[in-house]
N, C-alpha and C. Protein backbone atom coordinates (compact mmCIF):
# COMPACT_ATOMS: atom_id res chain seq x y z
N MET A 1 -29.51 -20.31 39.91
CA MET A 1 -29.41 -18.99 39.36
C MET A 1 -28.21 -18.24 39.93
N PHE A 2 -27.78 -18.58 41.12
CA PHE A 2 -26.66 -17.89 41.74
C PHE A 2 -25.36 -18.12 40.97
N TRP A 3 -25.20 -19.31 40.37
CA TRP A 3 -23.97 -19.62 39.67
C TRP A 3 -23.83 -18.81 38.38
N PHE A 4 -24.89 -18.27 37.86
CA PHE A 4 -24.84 -17.53 36.60
C PHE A 4 -24.14 -16.19 36.76
N TRP A 5 -24.32 -15.53 37.86
CA TRP A 5 -23.80 -14.17 38.00
C TRP A 5 -22.29 -14.07 37.95
N PRO A 6 -21.53 -14.96 38.58
CA PRO A 6 -20.08 -14.83 38.42
C PRO A 6 -19.64 -15.01 36.97
N TRP A 7 -20.23 -15.96 36.26
CA TRP A 7 -19.87 -16.15 34.85
C TRP A 7 -20.33 -14.98 34.01
N HIS A 8 -21.45 -14.45 34.36
CA HIS A 8 -21.97 -13.29 33.64
C HIS A 8 -20.99 -12.12 33.75
N GLY A 9 -20.48 -11.90 34.97
CA GLY A 9 -19.50 -10.84 35.17
C GLY A 9 -18.22 -11.10 34.42
N PHE A 10 -17.79 -12.37 34.38
CA PHE A 10 -16.57 -12.72 33.65
C PHE A 10 -16.75 -12.48 32.16
N LEU A 11 -17.90 -12.89 31.63
CA LEU A 11 -18.14 -12.69 30.19
C LEU A 11 -18.21 -11.22 29.84
N LEU A 12 -18.85 -10.43 30.69
CA LEU A 12 -18.89 -8.99 30.43
C LEU A 12 -17.50 -8.39 30.49
N TRP A 13 -16.68 -8.84 31.47
CA TRP A 13 -15.32 -8.33 31.56
C TRP A 13 -14.52 -8.71 30.32
N TRP A 14 -14.67 -9.95 29.82
CA TRP A 14 -13.90 -10.40 28.68
C TRP A 14 -14.34 -9.66 27.42
N LEU A 15 -15.65 -9.51 27.25
CA LEU A 15 -16.13 -8.85 26.03
C LEU A 15 -15.81 -7.36 26.02
N PHE A 16 -16.06 -6.69 27.11
CA PHE A 16 -15.89 -5.25 27.13
C PHE A 16 -14.53 -4.81 27.66
N GLY A 17 -13.83 -5.67 28.32
CA GLY A 17 -12.52 -5.33 28.84
C GLY A 17 -11.43 -5.86 27.93
N ARG A 18 -11.27 -7.14 27.97
CA ARG A 18 -10.19 -7.76 27.22
C ARG A 18 -10.50 -7.84 25.74
N GLY A 19 -11.71 -8.19 25.38
CA GLY A 19 -12.05 -8.38 23.97
C GLY A 19 -11.94 -7.11 23.16
N ILE A 20 -12.52 -6.05 23.63
CA ILE A 20 -12.48 -4.78 22.90
C ILE A 20 -11.06 -4.22 22.90
N THR A 21 -10.37 -4.37 24.03
CA THR A 21 -8.99 -3.89 24.09
C THR A 21 -8.12 -4.63 23.08
N THR A 22 -8.31 -5.94 22.99
CA THR A 22 -7.55 -6.73 22.02
C THR A 22 -7.86 -6.31 20.60
N ILE A 23 -9.12 -6.10 20.32
CA ILE A 23 -9.52 -5.67 18.97
C ILE A 23 -8.92 -4.30 18.65
N ILE A 24 -8.97 -3.39 19.60
CA ILE A 24 -8.41 -2.05 19.37
C ILE A 24 -6.91 -2.13 19.14
N LEU A 25 -6.21 -2.95 19.94
CA LEU A 25 -4.77 -3.10 19.75
C LEU A 25 -4.44 -3.71 18.40
N LEU A 26 -5.20 -4.71 17.97
CA LEU A 26 -4.97 -5.31 16.66
C LEU A 26 -5.19 -4.31 15.54
N VAL A 27 -6.25 -3.52 15.64
CA VAL A 27 -6.52 -2.50 14.62
C VAL A 27 -5.39 -1.48 14.58
N LEU A 28 -4.91 -1.05 15.73
CA LEU A 28 -3.81 -0.08 15.78
C LEU A 28 -2.53 -0.65 15.17
N VAL A 29 -2.23 -1.91 15.47
CA VAL A 29 -1.03 -2.53 14.91
C VAL A 29 -1.14 -2.65 13.40
N ILE A 30 -2.29 -3.09 12.91
CA ILE A 30 -2.49 -3.21 11.46
C ILE A 30 -2.41 -1.85 10.79
N TRP A 31 -3.00 -0.84 11.39
CA TRP A 31 -2.93 0.51 10.83
C TRP A 31 -1.48 1.01 10.79
N ALA A 32 -0.73 0.78 11.86
CA ALA A 32 0.66 1.25 11.92
C ALA A 32 1.51 0.57 10.85
N VAL A 33 1.34 -0.73 10.68
CA VAL A 33 2.13 -1.46 9.69
C VAL A 33 1.79 -1.01 8.28
N THR A 34 0.51 -0.85 7.98
CA THR A 34 0.14 -0.44 6.62
C THR A 34 0.54 1.00 6.34
N SER A 35 0.45 1.88 7.32
CA SER A 35 0.85 3.26 7.07
C SER A 35 2.36 3.37 6.96
N TRP A 36 3.11 2.55 7.69
CA TRP A 36 4.56 2.55 7.59
C TRP A 36 4.99 1.99 6.24
N ARG A 37 4.24 1.00 5.75
CA ARG A 37 4.55 0.39 4.46
C ARG A 37 4.32 1.38 3.33
N ARG A 38 3.29 2.19 3.42
CA ARG A 38 2.96 3.15 2.36
C ARG A 38 3.84 4.39 2.40
N ALA A 39 4.48 4.65 3.51
CA ALA A 39 5.30 5.86 3.65
C ALA A 39 6.54 5.75 2.76
N PRO A 40 7.01 6.88 2.23
CA PRO A 40 8.25 6.83 1.45
C PRO A 40 9.40 6.35 2.32
N GLY A 41 10.17 5.43 1.80
CA GLY A 41 11.27 4.87 2.58
C GLY A 41 10.80 3.85 3.59
N GLY A 42 9.59 3.31 3.41
CA GLY A 42 9.08 2.29 4.33
C GLY A 42 9.88 1.01 4.21
N PHE A 43 9.53 0.03 5.00
CA PHE A 43 10.33 -1.18 5.05
C PHE A 43 10.06 -2.14 3.90
N ILE A 44 8.98 -1.96 3.15
CA ILE A 44 8.70 -2.82 2.00
C ILE A 44 8.76 -1.96 0.74
N PRO A 45 9.84 -2.07 -0.03
CA PRO A 45 9.93 -1.25 -1.24
C PRO A 45 8.98 -1.76 -2.31
N GLY A 46 8.54 -0.85 -3.12
CA GLY A 46 7.67 -1.21 -4.24
C GLY A 46 8.49 -1.85 -5.34
N PRO A 47 7.82 -2.38 -6.34
CA PRO A 47 8.55 -3.00 -7.44
C PRO A 47 9.34 -1.94 -8.20
N PRO A 48 10.51 -2.30 -8.67
CA PRO A 48 11.30 -1.32 -9.42
C PRO A 48 10.60 -0.95 -10.72
N ARG A 49 10.62 0.32 -11.00
CA ARG A 49 9.95 0.81 -12.20
C ARG A 49 10.95 0.87 -13.33
N SER A 50 10.70 0.12 -14.37
CA SER A 50 11.59 0.14 -15.52
C SER A 50 10.86 0.79 -16.68
N SER A 51 11.57 1.61 -17.38
CA SER A 51 10.98 2.29 -18.53
C SER A 51 11.42 1.55 -19.79
N SER A 52 10.45 1.30 -20.64
CA SER A 52 10.79 0.67 -21.91
C SER A 52 11.34 1.73 -22.85
N ALA A 53 11.91 1.26 -23.93
CA ALA A 53 12.49 2.18 -24.92
C ALA A 53 11.40 3.07 -25.51
N ARG A 54 10.22 2.50 -25.70
CA ARG A 54 9.11 3.28 -26.26
C ARG A 54 8.67 4.38 -25.29
N ASP A 55 8.64 4.06 -24.00
CA ASP A 55 8.27 5.07 -23.00
C ASP A 55 9.28 6.22 -22.98
N ILE A 56 10.55 5.86 -23.04
CA ILE A 56 11.59 6.89 -23.06
C ILE A 56 11.48 7.76 -24.30
N LEU A 57 11.23 7.11 -25.45
CA LEU A 57 11.09 7.84 -26.71
C LEU A 57 9.90 8.80 -26.64
N GLU A 58 8.77 8.33 -26.14
CA GLU A 58 7.58 9.19 -26.04
C GLU A 58 7.82 10.33 -25.05
N GLU A 59 8.54 10.06 -23.99
CA GLU A 59 8.84 11.11 -23.02
C GLU A 59 9.75 12.18 -23.63
N ARG A 60 10.75 11.76 -24.38
CA ARG A 60 11.64 12.72 -25.02
C ARG A 60 10.89 13.56 -26.05
N TYR A 61 9.96 12.93 -26.78
CA TYR A 61 9.17 13.66 -27.77
C TYR A 61 8.23 14.65 -27.08
N ALA A 62 7.66 14.23 -25.97
CA ALA A 62 6.75 15.11 -25.23
C ALA A 62 7.50 16.31 -24.65
N LYS A 63 8.73 16.11 -24.24
CA LYS A 63 9.53 17.22 -23.70
C LYS A 63 10.05 18.14 -24.78
N GLY A 64 9.99 17.70 -26.02
CA GLY A 64 10.49 18.52 -27.12
C GLY A 64 11.97 18.34 -27.39
N GLU A 65 12.54 17.26 -26.87
CA GLU A 65 13.96 17.01 -27.09
C GLU A 65 14.24 16.53 -28.51
N ILE A 66 13.26 15.85 -29.10
CA ILE A 66 13.42 15.39 -30.48
C ILE A 66 12.24 15.87 -31.32
N GLN A 67 12.48 15.98 -32.63
CA GLN A 67 11.45 16.45 -33.56
C GLN A 67 10.57 15.27 -33.99
N ARG A 68 9.48 15.62 -34.67
CA ARG A 68 8.49 14.62 -35.07
C ARG A 68 9.09 13.60 -36.03
N ASP A 69 9.86 14.07 -36.99
CA ASP A 69 10.45 13.14 -37.96
C ASP A 69 11.38 12.14 -37.27
N GLU A 70 12.20 12.62 -36.36
CA GLU A 70 13.10 11.74 -35.63
C GLU A 70 12.31 10.78 -34.75
N TYR A 71 11.24 11.28 -34.12
CA TYR A 71 10.38 10.43 -33.28
C TYR A 71 9.77 9.30 -34.10
N LEU A 72 9.20 9.64 -35.27
CA LEU A 72 8.57 8.63 -36.10
C LEU A 72 9.60 7.61 -36.61
N GLN A 73 10.78 8.07 -36.97
CA GLN A 73 11.83 7.15 -37.45
C GLN A 73 12.24 6.18 -36.34
N LYS A 74 12.46 6.71 -35.14
CA LYS A 74 12.90 5.85 -34.04
C LYS A 74 11.78 4.91 -33.60
N LYS A 75 10.54 5.37 -33.69
CA LYS A 75 9.40 4.53 -33.34
C LYS A 75 9.31 3.37 -34.33
N GLN A 76 9.54 3.66 -35.61
CA GLN A 76 9.52 2.62 -36.63
C GLN A 76 10.68 1.66 -36.41
N ASP A 77 11.85 2.17 -36.03
CA ASP A 77 13.00 1.31 -35.76
C ASP A 77 12.73 0.35 -34.58
N LEU A 78 11.99 0.83 -33.59
CA LEU A 78 11.69 -0.01 -32.43
C LEU A 78 10.72 -1.15 -32.77
N ASN A 79 9.87 -0.92 -33.75
CA ASN A 79 8.93 -1.98 -34.15
C ASN A 79 9.63 -2.97 -34.97
């Protein structure tokens, strides 16, 4: 029974000392990387956003830059 106590102390030290500290450090590193990635100007850029001709046409119509007749004509031309 005497041999159990030193190992018991080592296991408690590893679980509550090193183990939890390692887990906390890993969580902090993962959180920092993901928050840096999501931040504007982060190190991983998102995919480039390309607008199709139809999206541009609908946006111009929604802004009132073109009239309904012109919108319908250009929409038909795109099809």
